Amino acid sequence: MVMLASLVGIGWLGIQWRQSLAAPVSAESGVCLFKTVTHIPCPSCGVTRSMVSVLQGDIAASIGWNPLGILVLGMMMICPLWISWDMVRGRSSFLTVFTRIESILRRRSVAVPLIMLVASNWIWNILKDL
């Protein structure tokens, strides 16, 4: 599922990056179902624009759109390569690490601060009227 999500994300990012060549990344260039329905930006609003900004070499703009974009882009690039490498070698190191990280994230002492960070990011998205 991680591989499929990454590949779909890379495809979507490619489409958005290509469109950004014709028109610069702007607040109007975003597509968010949550915002369309509620008129409130979601916690992940700006992630695609953030990733496009990274691909264009503008890290400051990327962080301005949504700092989660850099993390998501990194994961979208690393995960398919790692999973493919495991498949070639007949190993399951990705699954082992994924399972370990998942168990760490389930700990209240880790989950609560991460939820607070995402909530803070959401508030920031709302305040900057993303």
N, C-alpha and C. Protein backbone atom coordinates (compact mmCIF):
# COMPACT_ATOMS: atom_id res chain seq x y z
N MET A 1 0.82 -1.19 0.00
CA MET A 1 0.00 0.00 0.00
C MET A 1 0.87 1.27 0.00
N VAL A 2 1.98 1.22 0.72
CA VAL A 2 2.89 2.37 0.75
C VAL A 2 3.45 2.61 -0.65
N MET A 3 3.79 1.54 -1.34
CA MET A 3 4.33 1.67 -2.70
C MET A 3 3.29 2.31 -3.61
N LEU A 4 2.05 1.84 -3.55
CA LEU A 4 0.99 2.37 -4.40
C LEU A 4 0.75 3.85 -4.08
N ALA A 5 0.65 4.17 -2.80
CA ALA A 5 0.43 5.57 -2.41
C ALA A 5 1.57 6.46 -2.89
N SER A 6 2.79 5.98 -2.77
CA SER A 6 3.95 6.76 -3.22
C SER A 6 3.91 6.98 -4.72
N LEU A 7 3.61 5.94 -5.46
CA LEU A 7 3.60 6.05 -6.92
C LEU A 7 2.47 6.96 -7.41
N VAL A 8 1.31 6.86 -6.79
CA VAL A 8 0.20 7.76 -7.14
C VAL A 8 0.59 9.20 -6.79
N GLY A 9 1.20 9.38 -5.62
CA GLY A 9 1.65 10.71 -5.21
C GLY A 9 2.69 11.28 -6.16
N ILE A 10 3.61 10.46 -6.61
CA ILE A 10 4.63 10.92 -7.56
C ILE A 10 3.97 11.31 -8.89
N GLY A 11 2.99 10.53 -9.32
CA GLY A 11 2.26 10.87 -10.54
C GLY A 11 1.54 12.20 -10.42
N TRP A 12 0.84 12.39 -9.30
CA TRP A 12 0.13 13.66 -9.06
C TRP A 12 1.12 14.81 -8.99
N LEU A 13 2.23 14.60 -8.31
CA LEU A 13 3.24 15.65 -8.19
C LEU A 13 3.80 16.00 -9.57
N GLY A 14 4.00 15.00 -10.42
CA GLY A 14 4.48 15.26 -11.77
C GLY A 14 3.52 16.14 -12.55
N ILE A 15 2.23 15.86 -12.43
CA ILE A 15 1.22 16.66 -13.11
C ILE A 15 1.25 18.10 -12.60
N GLN A 16 1.31 18.26 -11.28
CA GLN A 16 1.32 19.59 -10.68
C GLN A 16 2.60 20.34 -11.02
N TRP A 17 3.73 19.64 -11.05
CA TRP A 17 5.00 20.29 -11.39
C TRP A 17 4.96 20.77 -12.84
N ARG A 18 4.42 19.94 -13.72
CA ARG A 18 4.33 20.33 -15.13
C ARG A 18 3.44 21.57 -15.29
N GLN A 19 2.33 21.61 -14.55
CA GLN A 19 1.45 22.78 -14.61
C GLN A 19 2.15 24.02 -14.08
N SER A 20 3.04 23.82 -13.09
CA SER A 20 3.75 24.97 -12.50
C SER A 20 4.75 25.58 -13.48
N LEU A 21 5.12 24.84 -14.51
CA LEU A 21 6.02 25.39 -15.52
C LEU A 21 5.31 26.46 -16.35
N ALA A 22 3.98 26.29 -16.50
CA ALA A 22 3.20 27.25 -17.28
C ALA A 22 2.72 28.42 -16.43
N ALA A 23 2.42 28.15 -15.17
CA ALA A 23 1.94 29.21 -14.26
C ALA A 23 2.60 29.00 -12.90
N PRO A 24 3.08 30.06 -12.27
CA PRO A 24 3.76 29.91 -10.98
C PRO A 24 2.83 29.33 -9.91
N VAL A 25 3.46 28.69 -8.94
CA VAL A 25 2.71 28.13 -7.81
C VAL A 25 2.08 29.29 -7.04
N SER A 26 0.78 29.18 -6.79
CA SER A 26 0.08 30.24 -6.05
C SER A 26 -1.00 29.62 -5.18
N ALA A 27 -1.61 30.45 -4.35
CA ALA A 27 -2.69 29.97 -3.47
C ALA A 27 -3.84 29.41 -4.29
N GLU A 28 -4.05 29.95 -5.48
CA GLU A 28 -5.14 29.48 -6.33
C GLU A 28 -4.82 28.16 -7.02
N SER A 29 -3.55 27.77 -7.05
CA SER A 29 -3.17 26.55 -7.76
C SER A 29 -3.40 25.29 -6.93
N GLY A 30 -3.82 25.43 -5.69
CA GLY A 30 -4.05 24.27 -4.84
C GLY A 30 -5.39 23.62 -5.08
N VAL A 31 -5.45 22.32 -4.83
CA VAL A 31 -6.69 21.56 -4.95
C VAL A 31 -6.89 20.82 -3.64
N CYS A 32 -7.94 21.16 -2.90
CA CYS A 32 -8.20 20.51 -1.62
C CYS A 32 -9.70 20.31 -1.45
N LEU A 33 -10.11 19.05 -1.41
CA LEU A 33 -11.53 18.74 -1.25
C LEU A 33 -12.06 19.27 0.06
N PHE A 34 -11.28 19.13 1.14
CA PHE A 34 -11.70 19.61 2.45
C PHE A 34 -11.98 21.11 2.41
N LYS A 35 -11.05 21.86 1.81
CA LYS A 35 -11.22 23.32 1.74
C LYS A 35 -12.37 23.70 0.82
N THR A 36 -12.55 22.95 -0.26
CA THR A 36 -13.66 23.22 -1.18
C THR A 36 -14.99 23.09 -0.47
N VAL A 37 -15.11 22.08 0.39
CA VAL A 37 -16.37 21.83 1.09
C VAL A 37 -16.55 22.75 2.29
N THR A 38 -15.49 22.95 3.09
CA THR A 38 -15.63 23.68 4.36
C THR A 38 -15.17 25.13 4.29
N HIS A 39 -14.41 25.48 3.25
CA HIS A 39 -13.80 26.81 3.12
C HIS A 39 -12.76 27.07 4.20
N ILE A 40 -12.26 26.00 4.81
CA ILE A 40 -11.19 26.07 5.81
C ILE A 40 -10.05 25.18 5.31
N PRO A 41 -8.81 25.68 5.31
CA PRO A 41 -7.71 24.83 4.87
C PRO A 41 -7.50 23.65 5.82
N CYS A 42 -7.16 22.51 5.26
CA CYS A 42 -6.91 21.33 6.07
C CYS A 42 -5.46 21.34 6.57
N PRO A 43 -5.10 20.44 7.50
CA PRO A 43 -3.72 20.41 8.00
C PRO A 43 -2.69 20.15 6.90
N SER A 44 -3.10 19.50 5.84
CA SER A 44 -2.13 19.21 4.78
C SER A 44 -2.26 20.14 3.58
N CYS A 45 -3.09 21.16 3.68
CA CYS A 45 -3.18 22.13 2.58
C CYS A 45 -1.79 22.73 2.33
N GLY A 46 -1.43 22.79 1.08
CA GLY A 46 -0.15 23.37 0.70
C GLY A 46 0.96 22.34 0.53
N VAL A 47 0.71 21.07 0.84
CA VAL A 47 1.77 20.06 0.74
C VAL A 47 2.22 19.88 -0.71
N THR A 48 1.27 19.79 -1.64
CA THR A 48 1.65 19.63 -3.04
C THR A 48 2.42 20.86 -3.52
N ARG A 49 1.94 22.05 -3.20
CA ARG A 49 2.63 23.27 -3.60
C ARG A 49 4.01 23.33 -2.95
N SER A 50 4.12 22.82 -1.72
CA SER A 50 5.40 22.77 -1.03
C SER A 50 6.37 21.86 -1.77
N MET A 51 5.90 20.69 -2.20
CA MET A 51 6.76 19.75 -2.92
C MET A 51 7.18 20.32 -4.27
N VAL A 52 6.26 20.98 -4.97
CA VAL A 52 6.60 21.60 -6.25
C VAL A 52 7.67 22.67 -6.04
N SER A 53 7.53 23.43 -4.96
CA SER A 53 8.52 24.47 -4.65
C SER A 53 9.91 23.86 -4.41
N VAL A 54 9.96 22.73 -3.72
CA VAL A 54 11.25 22.04 -3.51
C VAL A 54 11.83 21.64 -4.86
N LEU A 55 11.00 21.07 -5.72
CA LEU A 55 11.49 20.65 -7.04
C LEU A 55 11.98 21.83 -7.86
N GLN A 56 11.45 23.02 -7.60
CA GLN A 56 11.89 24.22 -8.29
C GLN A 56 13.08 24.86 -7.58
N GLY A 57 13.51 24.27 -6.45
CA GLY A 57 14.68 24.76 -5.73
C GLY A 57 14.40 25.88 -4.75
N ASP A 58 13.13 26.12 -4.44
CA ASP A 58 12.76 27.20 -3.53
C ASP A 58 12.33 26.63 -2.18
N ILE A 59 13.31 26.35 -1.33
CA ILE A 59 13.05 25.73 -0.03
C ILE A 59 12.25 26.67 0.88
N ALA A 60 12.55 27.95 0.86
CA ALA A 60 11.83 28.91 1.70
C ALA A 60 10.35 28.92 1.35
N ALA A 61 10.03 28.95 0.06
CA ALA A 61 8.62 28.91 -0.35
C ALA A 61 7.99 27.59 0.06
N SER A 62 8.75 26.51 -0.04
CA SER A 62 8.24 25.20 0.35
C SER A 62 7.81 25.19 1.81
N ILE A 63 8.66 25.72 2.67
CA ILE A 63 8.33 25.78 4.10
C ILE A 63 7.15 26.70 4.33
N GLY A 64 7.06 27.77 3.57
CA GLY A 64 5.94 28.69 3.69
C GLY A 64 4.61 28.06 3.31
N TRP A 65 4.63 27.23 2.27
CA TRP A 65 3.39 26.57 1.87
C TRP A 65 2.96 25.57 2.94
N ASN A 66 3.84 24.66 3.29
CA ASN A 66 3.56 23.68 4.34
C ASN A 66 4.84 22.89 4.59
N PRO A 67 5.43 23.00 5.79
CA PRO A 67 6.68 22.29 6.06
C PRO A 67 6.55 20.77 5.95
N LEU A 68 5.34 20.24 6.03
CA LEU A 68 5.16 18.80 5.89
C LEU A 68 5.49 18.33 4.47
N GLY A 69 5.47 19.24 3.52
CA GLY A 69 5.75 18.88 2.13
C GLY A 69 7.13 18.29 1.94
N ILE A 70 8.11 18.83 2.64
CA ILE A 70 9.48 18.31 2.51
C ILE A 70 9.54 16.88 3.04
N LEU A 71 8.89 16.63 4.16
CA LEU A 71 8.85 15.28 4.74
C LEU A 71 8.13 14.31 3.81
N VAL A 72 6.98 14.72 3.29
CA VAL A 72 6.21 13.86 2.39
C VAL A 72 7.00 13.56 1.11
N LEU A 73 7.64 14.59 0.55
CA LEU A 73 8.44 14.38 -0.66
C LEU A 73 9.56 13.37 -0.41
N GLY A 74 10.24 13.52 0.71
CA GLY A 74 11.30 12.58 1.06
C GLY A 74 10.79 11.15 1.16
N MET A 75 9.66 11.00 1.83
CA MET A 75 9.08 9.66 1.98
C MET A 75 8.64 9.10 0.64
N MET A 76 8.05 9.95 -0.21
CA MET A 76 7.59 9.49 -1.53
C MET A 76 8.74 9.05 -2.42
N MET A 77 9.91 9.59 -2.19
CA MET A 77 11.07 9.22 -3.00
C MET A 77 11.79 8.00 -2.42
N ILE A 78 11.91 7.95 -1.11
CA ILE A 78 12.67 6.88 -0.47
C ILE A 78 11.91 5.56 -0.41
N CYS A 79 10.64 5.61 -0.04
CA CYS A 79 9.87 4.37 0.18
C CYS A 79 9.82 3.45 -1.04
N PRO A 80 9.47 3.94 -2.24
CA PRO A 80 9.44 3.01 -3.38
C PRO A 80 10.81 2.41 -3.70
N LEU A 81 11.86 3.22 -3.55
CA LEU A 81 13.20 2.70 -3.81
C LEU A 81 13.56 1.62 -2.80
N TRP A 82 13.26 1.88 -1.53
CA TRP A 82 13.57 0.92 -0.48
C TRP A 82 12.77 -0.37 -0.67
N ILE A 83 11.48 -0.25 -0.94
CA ILE A 83 10.64 -1.43 -1.14
C ILE A 83 11.14 -2.23 -2.35
N SER A 84 11.47 -1.54 -3.43
CA SER A 84 11.99 -2.21 -4.63
C SER A 84 13.29 -2.94 -4.32
N TRP A 85 14.17 -2.28 -3.58
CA TRP A 85 15.45 -2.90 -3.20
C TRP A 85 15.20 -4.17 -2.38
N ASP A 86 14.25 -4.08 -1.43
CA ASP A 86 13.91 -5.26 -0.65
C ASP A 86 13.38 -6.39 -1.53
N MET A 87 12.55 -6.04 -2.52
CA MET A 87 11.99 -7.05 -3.41
C MET A 87 13.09 -7.73 -4.22
N VAL A 88 14.04 -6.97 -4.71
CA VAL A 88 15.15 -7.52 -5.49
C VAL A 88 16.00 -8.44 -4.62
N ARG A 89 16.25 -8.03 -3.39
CA ARG A 89 17.11 -8.81 -2.50
C ARG A 89 16.36 -9.89 -1.74
N GLY A 90 15.02 -9.92 -1.83
CA GLY A 90 14.24 -10.92 -1.11
C GLY A 90 14.24 -10.70 0.39
N ARG A 91 14.28 -9.45 0.79
CA ARG A 91 14.30 -9.09 2.21
C ARG A 91 13.06 -8.32 2.59
N SER A 92 12.94 -8.02 3.87
CA SER A 92 11.78 -7.25 4.35
C SER A 92 12.22 -6.16 5.32
N SER A 93 13.33 -5.51 5.03
CA SER A 93 13.83 -4.48 5.95
C SER A 93 12.88 -3.29 6.04
N PHE A 94 12.24 -2.93 4.92
CA PHE A 94 11.29 -1.82 4.96
C PHE A 94 10.14 -2.14 5.91
N LEU A 95 9.57 -3.33 5.77
CA LEU A 95 8.46 -3.74 6.63
C LEU A 95 8.88 -3.76 8.09
N THR A 96 10.08 -4.23 8.37
CA THR A 96 10.58 -4.26 9.74
C THR A 96 10.68 -2.86 10.32
N VAL A 97 11.26 -1.95 9.56
CA VAL A 97 11.40 -0.57 10.04
C VAL A 97 10.04 0.10 10.14
N PHE A 98 9.18 -0.11 9.14
CA PHE A 98 7.83 0.48 9.15
C PHE A 98 7.06 0.03 10.40
N THR A 99 7.11 -1.25 10.70
CA THR A 99 6.42 -1.80 11.87
C THR A 99 6.98 -1.21 13.15
N ARG A 100 8.28 -1.07 13.23
CA ARG A 100 8.92 -0.49 14.42
C ARG A 100 8.52 0.97 14.60
N ILE A 101 8.55 1.74 13.52
CA ILE A 101 8.16 3.15 13.60
C ILE A 101 6.69 3.27 13.99
N GLU A 102 5.86 2.41 13.43
CA GLU A 102 4.44 2.43 13.77
C GLU A 102 4.22 2.17 15.26
N SER A 103 4.96 1.23 15.83
CA SER A 103 4.81 0.95 17.26
C SER A 103 5.29 2.12 18.11
N ILE A 104 6.31 2.83 17.65
CA ILE A 104 6.80 4.01 18.37
C ILE A 104 5.75 5.12 18.30
N LEU A 105 5.16 5.32 17.13
CA LEU A 105 4.16 6.39 16.96
C LEU A 105 2.88 6.14 17.75
N ARG A 106 2.62 4.88 18.11
CA ARG A 106 1.43 4.56 18.90
C ARG A 106 1.59 4.91 20.38
N ARG A 107 2.81 5.15 20.80
CA ARG A 107 3.03 5.53 22.20
C ARG A 107 2.44 6.91 22.45
N ARG A 108 1.74 7.04 23.53
CA ARG A 108 1.11 8.31 23.88
C ARG A 108 2.14 9.43 23.97
N SER A 109 3.32 9.12 24.52
CA SER A 109 4.35 10.14 24.69
C SER A 109 4.89 10.67 23.36
N VAL A 110 4.69 9.92 22.29
CA VAL A 110 5.11 10.35 20.97
C VAL A 110 3.91 10.88 20.17
N ALA A 111 2.80 10.17 20.26
CA ALA A 111 1.61 10.53 19.46
C ALA A 111 1.06 11.90 19.84
N VAL A 112 0.97 12.20 21.13
CA VAL A 112 0.38 13.48 21.55
C VAL A 112 1.19 14.67 21.04
N PRO A 113 2.52 14.70 21.22
CA PRO A 113 3.26 15.84 20.66
C PRO A 113 3.14 15.94 19.13
N LEU A 114 3.12 14.80 18.43
CA LEU A 114 2.97 14.85 16.97
C LEU A 114 1.60 15.39 16.57
N ILE A 115 0.57 14.98 17.29
CA ILE A 115 -0.77 15.50 17.03
C ILE A 115 -0.81 17.00 17.30
N MET A 116 -0.13 17.43 18.35
CA MET A 116 -0.07 18.87 18.65
C MET A 116 0.67 19.64 17.54
N LEU A 117 1.72 19.05 16.99
CA LEU A 117 2.43 19.68 15.88
C LEU A 117 1.54 19.80 14.65
N VAL A 118 0.80 18.75 14.33
CA VAL A 118 -0.10 18.79 13.18
C VAL A 118 -1.21 19.81 13.42
N ALA A 119 -1.74 19.85 14.65
CA ALA A 119 -2.77 20.85 14.99
C ALA A 119 -2.21 22.26 14.87
N SER A 120 -0.98 22.46 15.32
CA SER A 120 -0.34 23.78 15.19
C SER A 120 -0.17 24.16 13.73
N ASN A 121 0.23 23.19 12.92
CA ASN A 121 0.36 23.43 11.48
C ASN A 121 -0.99 23.79 10.88
N TRP A 122 -2.03 23.13 11.33
CA TRP A 122 -3.39 23.41 10.85
C TRP A 122 -3.79 24.85 11.19
N ILE A 123 -3.53 25.24 12.43
CA ILE A 123 -3.84 26.61 12.86
C ILE A 123 -3.05 27.60 12.01
N TRP A 124 -1.78 27.28 11.76
CA TRP A 124 -0.95 28.16 10.93
C TRP A 124 -1.54 28.27 9.52
N ASN A 125 -2.00 27.14 8.96
CA ASN A 125 -2.62 27.18 7.64
C ASN A 125 -3.86 28.06 7.63
N ILE A 126 -4.64 28.00 8.69
CA ILE A 126 -5.85 28.81 8.79
C ILE A 126 -5.49 30.29 8.91
N LEU A 127 -4.52 30.59 9.77
CA LEU A 127 -4.14 31.99 10.00
C LEU A 127 -3.54 32.64 8.75
N LYS A 128 -2.79 31.88 7.98
CA LYS A 128 -2.20 32.46 6.77
C LYS A 128 -3.16 32.37 5.59
N ASP A 129 -4.37 31.91 5.86
CA ASP A 129 -5.45 31.83 4.85
C ASP A 129 -4.98 31.10 3.60
N LEU A 130 -4.43 29.94 3.83
CA LEU A 130 -3.91 29.13 2.74
C LEU A 130 -5.05 28.65 1.89
